[in-house]
Every structure is written in C-alpha cells, then in structure tokens.
Amino acid sequence: MLGLDWFVLYKISFSIIPVLLAITLHEAAHGWVAKQLGDPTAFKLGRVTANPLRHIDPFGTIIVPVVLGFLSGGALLFGWAKPVPVVAQNLRHPRRDMVLVAAAGPLSNLAMALSWVVLGIIFWAVGAYNLVIGGWLLESWEMGILINTVLMVVNLIPIPPLDGGRIVTGLLPPPAAAALARFELFGLIIVLVLMLPPIAVLGRVIEPFLIYFDQLFRSIFSAATGLR
C-alpha cells in the first residue's frame, strides 16, 4: 500500500504542472482572443490569467478526470475548466469571431505541446536528463506533450460545447448552425458516454490523431537532438 501511495504521489508530482498549465492557458487563450476582437467580459472577470484557481471547475477539473482515470485504468484523460464567458454581441464580427475565439483553445494546446518539445530539447542540450531529477523531468516533459495533445484533439470534436462544435457552428449556414447548437446543453454528456467503456467509440476515433501528433512532436525532438 505504501509503495502504491508513493507511486501515486510521484505521478501527481510530475503531472500537476503540465496539466494545470494546459487547462489554464487553454481557457485564458479564449478570453484573450475575445478581448482582442472586442469582448472584454472574460478580461474584466479576471479570466485572462495564468492563475489556475480562476479557471478550476470542481466537477470538470477534478471529479471527472479522477473518475475517468479510475474507470479506464489511467488510460483516459479528459476534463474541463470553467467556461470562459464570451458575449457574442460585443464581438466586431460575431459569427466569424466566435470561430476564432473557439479555435484559440486548441491552438494554445498545440503551442504548449510544441513548447514542451522545445523545453525537452533544452533539457537535453544542458544535460538536465543526467541529473538526479532527470527521470522526473522526463516524465513531466512527456505529460506536457500528452495532455496538450489530448486536449487539442478532444476539443476539436465537432460537438458543442466543445471548441470543435463551436467552430463548426460558426461555419455552418444559420439553420444548420442552430440545429447543432441545440446539443450545447447535453453535448458533454454525449462525449462522456461515447468515451467510456464498453462503447469507447470516441477513443477509437481520436486515437489515430493522437498517434500522429505524438509521432510529429517526437520527430521534431529527434531531429534536434539526434535521439530516437
């Protein structure tokens, strides 16, 4: 039992920073882009910040990931933060700008995944992996790439209220957009049901994309360091 407790604590120790950064900056990116496009609502509410306490949702950020991780044996990572409020009427071009605001979240995760790759190259260049904490750094690096890749891909699923759903809603003709928007209230329930065993259909759908981006990021690292 003691060994398991230490393992859990160790896993939390190298996961907490990458996970909090991935979730926090994802939400802050929505608010920052909204402000640039004319809606300062999130900014005025203090949501354009790297402080994770302003974004944590007890249910989506803590309970759901823990339950999903337990039910999937640690294979399924999914959760969300408090949605950043955006008032579409404040945006200069509401339909177009809502697409850009929604896209900012997944793009921030792509940027963070690439940042973790660059950080890994720096770790390698200065020999940090050979230090006593090298294993911990390597685990944090891998988690940083993994969690940002998962959040980017999952959030691009075209089901509201995920970012992908909002992007598609903004691109569709108004009648079709209105029909898709009706999923907003129970979209997350649909996503969770499709992710959980025994259905797990979304996992099979997004797995090729996760593999592709994992290979892409590792290829960038290998090209810079010569390591395989």
C-alpha atoms as a PDB file:
ATOM      1  CA  MET A   1       0.000   0.000   0.000  1.00  0.00           C
ATOM      2  CA  LEU A   2       2.835   2.351   0.887  1.00  0.00           C
ATOM      3  CA  GLY A   3       4.521   1.645  -2.458  1.00  0.00           C
ATOM      4  CA  LEU A   4       1.305   2.417  -4.299  1.00  0.00           C
ATOM      5  CA  ASP A   5       0.832   5.665  -2.357  1.00  0.00           C
ATOM      6  CA  TRP A   6       4.323   6.807  -3.239  1.00  0.00           C
ATOM      7  CA  PHE A   7       3.755   5.916  -6.887  1.00  0.00           C
ATOM      8  CA  VAL A   8       0.511   7.914  -6.955  1.00  0.00           C
ATOM      9  CA  LEU A   9       2.193  10.893  -5.292  1.00  0.00           C
ATOM     10  CA  TYR A  10       5.083  10.686  -7.731  1.00  0.00           C
ATOM     11  CA  LYS A  11       2.706  10.598 -10.699  1.00  0.00           C
ATOM     12  CA  ILE A  12       0.812  13.602  -9.343  1.00  0.00           C
ATOM     13  CA  SER A  13       4.082  15.479  -8.781  1.00  0.00           C
ATOM     14  CA  PHE A  14       5.177  15.330 -12.412  1.00  0.00           C
ATOM     15  CA  SER A  15       1.646  15.721 -13.808  1.00  0.00           C
ATOM     16  CA  ILE A  16       0.269  18.665 -11.872  1.00  0.00           C
ATOM     17  CA  ILE A  17       2.259  21.456 -13.547  1.00  0.00           C
ATOM     18  CA  PRO A  18       1.709  20.284 -17.163  1.00  0.00           C
ATOM     19  CA  VAL A  19      -1.995  19.581 -16.539  1.00  0.00           C
ATOM     20  CA  LEU A  20      -2.723  22.878 -14.794  1.00  0.00           C
ATOM     21  CA  LEU A  21      -0.845  24.844 -17.456  1.00  0.00           C
ATOM     22  CA  ALA A  22      -2.659  23.039 -20.263  1.00  0.00           C
ATOM     23  CA  ILE A  23      -6.116  23.678 -18.820  1.00  0.00           C
ATOM     24  CA  THR A  24      -5.445  27.199 -17.522  1.00  0.00           C
ATOM     25  CA  LEU A  25      -3.793  28.653 -20.613  1.00  0.00           C
ATOM     26  CA  HIS A  26      -6.396  26.988 -22.842  1.00  0.00           C
ATOM     27  CA  GLU A  27      -9.161  28.940 -21.109  1.00  0.00           C
ATOM     28  CA  ALA A  28      -7.103  32.129 -20.835  1.00  0.00           C
ATOM     29  CA  ALA A  29      -6.498  31.966 -24.612  1.00  0.00           C
ATOM     30  CA  HIS A  30     -10.250  32.061 -25.254  1.00  0.00           C
ATOM     31  CA  GLY A  31     -10.583  35.190 -23.118  1.00  0.00           C
ATOM     32  CA  TRP A  32      -7.511  36.889 -24.570  1.00  0.00           C
ATOM     33  CA  VAL A  33      -8.655  36.426 -28.175  1.00  0.00           C
ATOM     34  CA  ALA A  34     -12.187  37.579 -27.262  1.00  0.00           C
ATOM     35  CA  LYS A  35     -10.714  40.769 -25.803  1.00  0.00           C
ATOM     36  CA  GLN A  36      -8.708  41.420 -28.980  1.00  0.00           C
ATOM     37  CA  LEU A  37     -11.886  41.007 -31.014  1.00  0.00           C
ATOM     38  CA  GLY A  38     -13.974  43.393 -28.942  1.00  0.00           C
ATOM     39  CA  ASP A  39     -15.367  41.482 -25.943  1.00  0.00           C
ATOM     40  CA  PRO A  40     -13.596  42.282 -22.641  1.00  0.00           C
ATOM     41  CA  THR A  41     -16.023  40.228 -20.499  1.00  0.00           C
ATOM     42  CA  ALA A  42     -13.560  37.479 -19.558  1.00  0.00           C
ATOM     43  CA  PHE A  43     -10.773  40.015 -19.029  1.00  0.00           C
ATOM     44  CA  LYS A  44     -12.900  42.076 -16.629  1.00  0.00           C
ATOM     45  CA  LEU A  45     -13.784  38.929 -14.682  1.00  0.00           C
ATOM     46  CA  GLY A  46     -10.107  38.070 -14.245  1.00  0.00           C
ATOM     47  CA  ARG A  47     -10.201  35.029 -16.503  1.00  0.00           C
ATOM     48  CA  VAL A  48      -7.350  36.107 -18.794  1.00  0.00           C
ATOM     49  CA  THR A  49      -4.763  34.869 -16.331  1.00  0.00           C
ATOM     50  CA  ALA A  50      -2.364  32.003 -15.761  1.00  0.00           C
ATOM     51  CA  ASN A  51      -3.698  31.587 -12.220  1.00  0.00           C
ATOM     52  CA  PRO A  52      -5.328  28.114 -12.262  1.00  0.00           C
ATOM     53  CA  LEU A  53      -7.585  28.964  -9.312  1.00  0.00           C
ATOM     54  CA  ARG A  54      -9.570  31.317 -11.572  1.00  0.00           C
ATOM     55  CA  HIS A  55     -10.318  28.501 -14.020  1.00  0.00           C
ATOM     56  CA  ILE A  56     -10.752  25.326 -11.962  1.00  0.00           C
ATOM     57  CA  ASP A  57     -14.191  23.725 -12.025  1.00  0.00           C
ATOM     58  CA  PRO A  58     -14.532  21.248  -9.114  1.00  0.00           C
ATOM     59  CA  PHE A  59     -16.565  18.803 -11.199  1.00  0.00           C
ATOM     60  CA  GLY A  60     -14.896  19.057 -14.609  1.00  0.00           C
ATOM     61  CA  THR A  61     -11.314  19.690 -13.480  1.00  0.00           C
ATOM     62  CA  ILE A  62     -11.151  17.314 -10.517  1.00  0.00           C
ATOM     63  CA  ILE A  63     -14.017  14.825 -10.181  1.00  0.00           C
ATOM     64  CA  VAL A  64     -14.465  13.819 -13.842  1.00  0.00           C
ATOM     65  CA  PRO A  65     -10.731  13.229 -14.582  1.00  0.00           C
ATOM     66  CA  VAL A  66     -10.322  11.197 -11.390  1.00  0.00           C
ATOM     67  CA  VAL A  67     -13.394   9.043 -12.089  1.00  0.00           C
ATOM     68  CA  LEU A  68     -12.492   8.535 -15.756  1.00  0.00           C
ATOM     69  CA  GLY A  69      -8.914   7.707 -14.845  1.00  0.00           C
ATOM     70  CA  PHE A  70     -10.116   5.141 -12.291  1.00  0.00           C
ATOM     71  CA  LEU A  71     -12.656   3.541 -14.659  1.00  0.00           C
ATOM     72  CA  SER A  72     -10.195   3.397 -17.556  1.00  0.00           C
ATOM     73  CA  GLY A  73      -7.207   2.292 -15.514  1.00  0.00           C
ATOM     74  CA  GLY A  74      -5.458   5.572 -16.192  1.00  0.00           C
ATOM     75  CA  ALA A  75      -5.820   5.269 -19.969  1.00  0.00           C
ATOM     76  CA  LEU A  76      -8.392   8.043 -20.411  1.00  0.00           C
ATOM     77  CA  LEU A  77      -7.572  11.696 -19.776  1.00  0.00           C
ATOM     78  CA  PHE A  78     -10.454  14.135 -20.075  1.00  0.00           C
ATOM     79  CA  GLY A  79     -11.772  17.105 -18.155  1.00  0.00           C
ATOM     80  CA  TRP A  80     -12.567  20.770 -18.456  1.00  0.00           C
ATOM     81  CA  ALA A  81     -12.282  24.078 -16.653  1.00  0.00           C
ATOM     82  CA  LYS A  82     -14.927  26.726 -16.021  1.00  0.00           C
ATOM     83  CA  PRO A  83     -16.027  28.022 -19.432  1.00  0.00           C
ATOM     84  CA  VAL A  84     -14.745  31.494 -20.232  1.00  0.00           C
ATOM     85  CA  PRO A  85     -17.719  33.852 -20.701  1.00  0.00           C
ATOM     86  CA  VAL A  86     -17.928  35.438 -24.143  1.00  0.00           C
ATOM     87  CA  VAL A  87     -20.675  37.883 -25.153  1.00  0.00           C
ATOM     88  CA  ALA A  88     -21.026  37.395 -28.906  1.00  0.00           C
ATOM     89  CA  GLN A  89     -22.802  40.731 -29.366  1.00  0.00           C
ATOM     90  CA  ASN A  90     -19.669  42.545 -28.184  1.00  0.00           C
ATOM     91  CA  LEU A  91     -17.545  40.990 -30.916  1.00  0.00           C
ATOM     92  CA  ARG A  92     -16.966  43.042 -34.042  1.00  0.00           C
ATOM     93  CA  HIS A  93     -17.990  40.172 -36.345  1.00  0.00           C
ATOM     94  CA  PRO A  94     -19.896  37.774 -34.047  1.00  0.00           C
ATOM     95  CA  ARG A  95     -20.086  34.624 -36.212  1.00  0.00           C
ATOM     96  CA  ARG A  96     -16.549  34.857 -37.542  1.00  0.00           C
ATOM     97  CA  ASP A  97     -15.049  35.987 -34.249  1.00  0.00           C
ATOM     98  CA  MET A  98     -16.734  33.223 -32.232  1.00  0.00           C
ATOM     99  CA  VAL A  99     -14.943  30.743 -34.508  1.00  0.00           C
ATOM    100  CA  LEU A 100     -11.627  32.448 -33.766  1.00  0.00           C
ATOM    101  CA  VAL A 101     -12.326  32.534 -30.019  1.00  0.00           C
ATOM    102  CA  ALA A 102     -13.206  28.832 -30.027  1.00  0.00           C
ATOM    103  CA  ALA A 103     -10.137  27.920 -32.097  1.00  0.00           C
ATOM    104  CA  ALA A 104      -7.856  29.768 -29.662  1.00  0.00           C
ATOM    105  CA  GLY A 105      -8.165  26.985 -27.069  1.00  0.00           C
ATOM    106  CA  PRO A 106      -6.938  24.050 -29.192  1.00  0.00           C
ATOM    107  CA  LEU A 107      -4.316  26.277 -30.830  1.00  0.00           C
ATOM    108  CA  SER A 108      -2.986  27.200 -27.386  1.00  0.00           C
ATOM    109  CA  ASN A 109      -2.601  23.498 -26.607  1.00  0.00           C
ATOM    110  CA  LEU A 110      -0.755  22.973 -29.883  1.00  0.00           C
ATOM    111  CA  ALA A 111       1.565  25.849 -28.971  1.00  0.00           C
ATOM    112  CA  MET A 112       2.107  24.425 -25.483  1.00  0.00           C
ATOM    113  CA  ALA A 113       2.864  20.939 -26.831  1.00  0.00           C
ATOM    114  CA  LEU A 114       5.481  22.455 -29.144  1.00  0.00           C
ATOM    115  CA  SER A 115       6.825  24.486 -26.208  1.00  0.00           C
ATOM    116  CA  TRP A 116       7.282  21.281 -24.224  1.00  0.00           C
ATOM    117  CA  VAL A 117       9.181  19.818 -27.182  1.00  0.00           C
ATOM    118  CA  VAL A 118      11.485  22.860 -27.223  1.00  0.00           C
ATOM    119  CA  LEU A 119      11.898  22.594 -23.437  1.00  0.00           C
ATOM    120  CA  GLY A 120      12.854  18.940 -23.854  1.00  0.00           C
ATOM    121  CA  ILE A 121      15.491  19.924 -26.402  1.00  0.00           C
ATOM    122  CA  ILE A 122      16.870  22.481 -23.922  1.00  0.00           C
ATOM    123  CA  PHE A 123      16.867  19.849 -21.137  1.00  0.00           C
ATOM    124  CA  TRP A 124      18.841  17.540 -23.416  1.00  0.00           C
ATOM    125  CA  ALA A 125      21.268  20.282 -24.508  1.00  0.00           C
ATOM    126  CA  VAL A 126      22.215  21.229 -20.935  1.00  0.00           C
ATOM    127  CA  GLY A 127      22.353  17.624 -19.739  1.00  0.00           C
ATOM    128  CA  ALA A 128      19.420  18.001 -17.349  1.00  0.00           C
ATOM    129  CA  TYR A 129      18.278  14.438 -18.012  1.00  0.00           C
ATOM    130  CA  ASN A 130      21.503  13.178 -16.434  1.00  0.00           C
ATOM    131  CA  LEU A 131      20.762  14.894 -13.120  1.00  0.00           C
ATOM    132  CA  VAL A 132      19.178  13.135 -10.149  1.00  0.00           C
ATOM    133  CA  ILE A 133      15.803  14.655 -11.096  1.00  0.00           C
ATOM    134  CA  GLY A 134      16.261  13.728 -14.745  1.00  0.00           C
ATOM    135  CA  GLY A 135      13.629  10.982 -14.642  1.00  0.00           C
ATOM    136  CA  TRP A 136      11.105  13.373 -13.092  1.00  0.00           C
ATOM    137  CA  LEU A 137      11.843  15.977 -15.777  1.00  0.00           C
ATOM    138  CA  LEU A 138      11.391  13.378 -18.498  1.00  0.00           C
ATOM    139  CA  GLU A 139       8.037  12.309 -17.043  1.00  0.00           C
ATOM    140  CA  SER A 140       6.888  15.946 -16.825  1.00  0.00           C
ATOM    141  CA  TRP A 141       8.013  16.539 -20.399  1.00  0.00           C
ATOM    142  CA  GLU A 142       6.103  13.538 -21.691  1.00  0.00           C
ATOM    143  CA  MET A 143       2.993  14.525 -19.703  1.00  0.00           C
ATOM    144  CA  GLY A 144       3.198  18.079 -21.067  1.00  0.00           C
ATOM    145  CA  ILE A 145       3.138  16.789 -24.627  1.00  0.00           C
ATOM    146  CA  LEU A 146       0.478  14.156 -23.904  1.00  0.00           C
ATOM    147  CA  ILE A 147      -2.052  16.294 -22.034  1.00  0.00           C
ATOM    148  CA  ASN A 148      -1.850  19.145 -24.538  1.00  0.00           C
ATOM    149  CA  THR A 149      -2.227  16.746 -27.467  1.00  0.00           C
ATOM    150  CA  VAL A 150      -5.254  15.109 -25.818  1.00  0.00           C
ATOM    151  CA  LEU A 151      -6.902  18.450 -25.006  1.00  0.00           C
ATOM    152  CA  MET A 152      -6.287  19.764 -28.509  1.00  0.00           C
ATOM    153  CA  VAL A 153      -7.699  16.701 -30.272  1.00  0.00           C
ATOM    154  CA  VAL A 154     -10.646  16.135 -27.910  1.00  0.00           C
ATOM    155  CA  ASN A 155     -11.665  19.794 -28.018  1.00  0.00           C
ATOM    156  CA  LEU A 156     -11.778  19.682 -31.810  1.00  0.00           C
ATOM    157  CA  ILE A 157     -14.541  17.043 -31.766  1.00  0.00           C
ATOM    158  CA  PRO A 158     -17.441  18.823 -33.550  1.00  0.00           C
ATOM    159  CA  ILE A 159     -19.949  18.516 -30.703  1.00  0.00           C
ATOM    160  CA  PRO A 160     -20.945  21.638 -28.719  1.00  0.00           C
ATOM    161  CA  PRO A 161     -19.936  22.839 -26.188  1.00  0.00           C
ATOM    162  CA  LEU A 162     -16.503  21.561 -27.185  1.00  0.00           C
ATOM    163  CA  ASP A 163     -14.471  24.061 -29.181  1.00  0.00           C
ATOM    164  CA  GLY A 164     -14.818  21.987 -32.338  1.00  0.00           C
ATOM    165  CA  GLY A 165     -18.589  22.167 -32.049  1.00  0.00           C
ATOM    166  CA  ARG A 166     -18.491  25.929 -31.703  1.00  0.00           C
ATOM    167  CA  ILE A 167     -16.118  26.239 -34.660  1.00  0.00           C
ATOM    168  CA  VAL A 168     -18.428  24.174 -36.869  1.00  0.00           C
ATOM    169  CA  THR A 169     -21.477  26.088 -35.579  1.00  0.00           C
ATOM    170  CA  GLY A 170     -19.867  29.341 -36.690  1.00  0.00           C
ATOM    171  CA  LEU A 171     -19.036  27.974 -40.136  1.00  0.00           C
ATOM    172  CA  LEU A 172     -22.374  26.328 -40.957  1.00  0.00           C
ATOM    173  CA  PRO A 173     -25.334  28.165 -42.537  1.00  0.00           C
ATOM    174  CA  PRO A 174     -27.629  29.612 -39.812  1.00  0.00           C
ATOM    175  CA  PRO A 175     -30.322  26.869 -39.921  1.00  0.00           C
ATOM    176  CA  ALA A 176     -27.768  24.056 -39.624  1.00  0.00           C
ATOM    177  CA  ALA A 177     -25.816  26.016 -37.005  1.00  0.00           C
ATOM    178  CA  ALA A 178     -28.969  26.447 -34.909  1.00  0.00           C
ATOM    179  CA  ALA A 179     -29.675  22.707 -35.110  1.00  0.00           C
ATOM    180  CA  LEU A 180     -26.139  21.817 -33.988  1.00  0.00           C
ATOM    181  CA  ALA A 181     -26.218  24.435 -31.218  1.00  0.00           C
ATOM    182  CA  ARG A 182     -29.103  22.550 -29.594  1.00  0.00           C
ATOM    183  CA  PHE A 183     -26.561  19.940 -28.464  1.00  0.00           C
ATOM    184  CA  GLU A 184     -24.916  22.575 -26.236  1.00  0.00           C
ATOM    185  CA  LEU A 185     -26.877  21.594 -23.101  1.00  0.00           C
ATOM    186  CA  PHE A 186     -26.078  17.881 -23.198  1.00  0.00           C
ATOM    187  CA  GLY A 187     -23.069  17.702 -25.521  1.00  0.00           C
ATOM    188  CA  LEU A 188     -20.611  16.865 -22.745  1.00  0.00           C
ATOM    189  CA  ILE A 189     -22.816  14.006 -21.585  1.00  0.00           C
ATOM    190  CA  ILE A 190     -22.763  12.601 -25.129  1.00  0.00           C
ATOM    191  CA  VAL A 191     -18.972  12.915 -25.254  1.00  0.00           C
ATOM    192  CA  LEU A 192     -18.508  11.201 -21.869  1.00  0.00           C
ATOM    193  CA  VAL A 193     -20.855   8.336 -22.808  1.00  0.00           C
ATOM    194  CA  LEU A 194     -19.034   7.811 -26.112  1.00  0.00           C
ATOM    195  CA  MET A 195     -15.682   7.787 -24.297  1.00  0.00           C
ATOM    196  CA  LEU A 196     -16.484   5.343 -21.513  1.00  0.00           C
ATOM    197  CA  PRO A 197     -16.297   1.558 -21.847  1.00  0.00           C
ATOM    198  CA  PRO A 198     -17.844  -0.527 -23.266  1.00  0.00           C
ATOM    199  CA  ILE A 199     -18.683   1.940 -26.074  1.00  0.00           C
ATOM    200  CA  ALA A 200     -15.425   3.936 -26.142  1.00  0.00           C
ATOM    201  CA  VAL A 201     -16.069   4.880 -29.764  1.00  0.00           C
ATOM    202  CA  LEU A 202     -14.518   8.345 -29.438  1.00  0.00           C
ATOM    203  CA  GLY A 203     -11.300   6.823 -28.189  1.00  0.00           C
ATOM    204  CA  ARG A 204     -11.023   4.785 -31.376  1.00  0.00           C
ATOM    205  CA  VAL A 205     -11.852   7.848 -33.493  1.00  0.00           C
ATOM    206  CA  ILE A 206      -9.285  10.176 -31.944  1.00  0.00           C
ATOM    207  CA  GLU A 207      -6.535   7.597 -31.401  1.00  0.00           C
ATOM    208  CA  PRO A 208      -5.038   7.986 -34.925  1.00  0.00           C
ATOM    209  CA  PHE A 209      -4.825  11.756 -34.409  1.00  0.00           C
ATOM    210  CA  LEU A 210      -3.145  11.310 -31.022  1.00  0.00           C
ATOM    211  CA  ILE A 211      -0.635   8.902 -32.543  1.00  0.00           C
ATOM    212  CA  TYR A 212       0.041  11.273 -35.449  1.00  0.00           C
ATOM    213  CA  PHE A 213       0.773  14.281 -33.239  1.00  0.00           C
ATOM    214  CA  ASP A 214       2.804  12.196 -30.775  1.00  0.00           C
ATOM    215  CA  GLN A 215       4.978  10.994 -33.637  1.00  0.00           C
ATOM    216  CA  LEU A 216       5.209  14.526 -35.034  1.00  0.00           C
ATOM    217  CA  PHE A 217       6.406  16.012 -31.743  1.00  0.00           C
ATOM    218  CA  ARG A 218       8.854  13.182 -31.132  1.00  0.00           C
ATOM    219  CA  SER A 219      10.195  13.565 -34.675  1.00  0.00           C
ATOM    220  CA  ILE A 220      10.893  17.239 -34.010  1.00  0.00           C
ATOM    221  CA  PHE A 221      12.714  16.297 -30.801  1.00  0.00           C
ATOM    222  CA  SER A 222      14.692  13.553 -32.563  1.00  0.00           C
ATOM    223  CA  ALA A 223      15.664  15.849 -35.434  1.00  0.00           C
ATOM    224  CA  ALA A 224      17.021  18.435 -32.981  1.00  0.00           C
ATOM    225  CA  THR A 225      18.832  16.036 -30.645  1.00  0.00           C
ATOM    226  CA  GLY A 226      19.694  13.042 -32.807  1.00  0.00           C
ATOM    227  CA  LEU A 227      17.998  10.794 -30.251  1.00  0.00           C
ATOM    228  CA  ARG A 228      15.460   8.130 -31.244  1.00  0.00           C
END
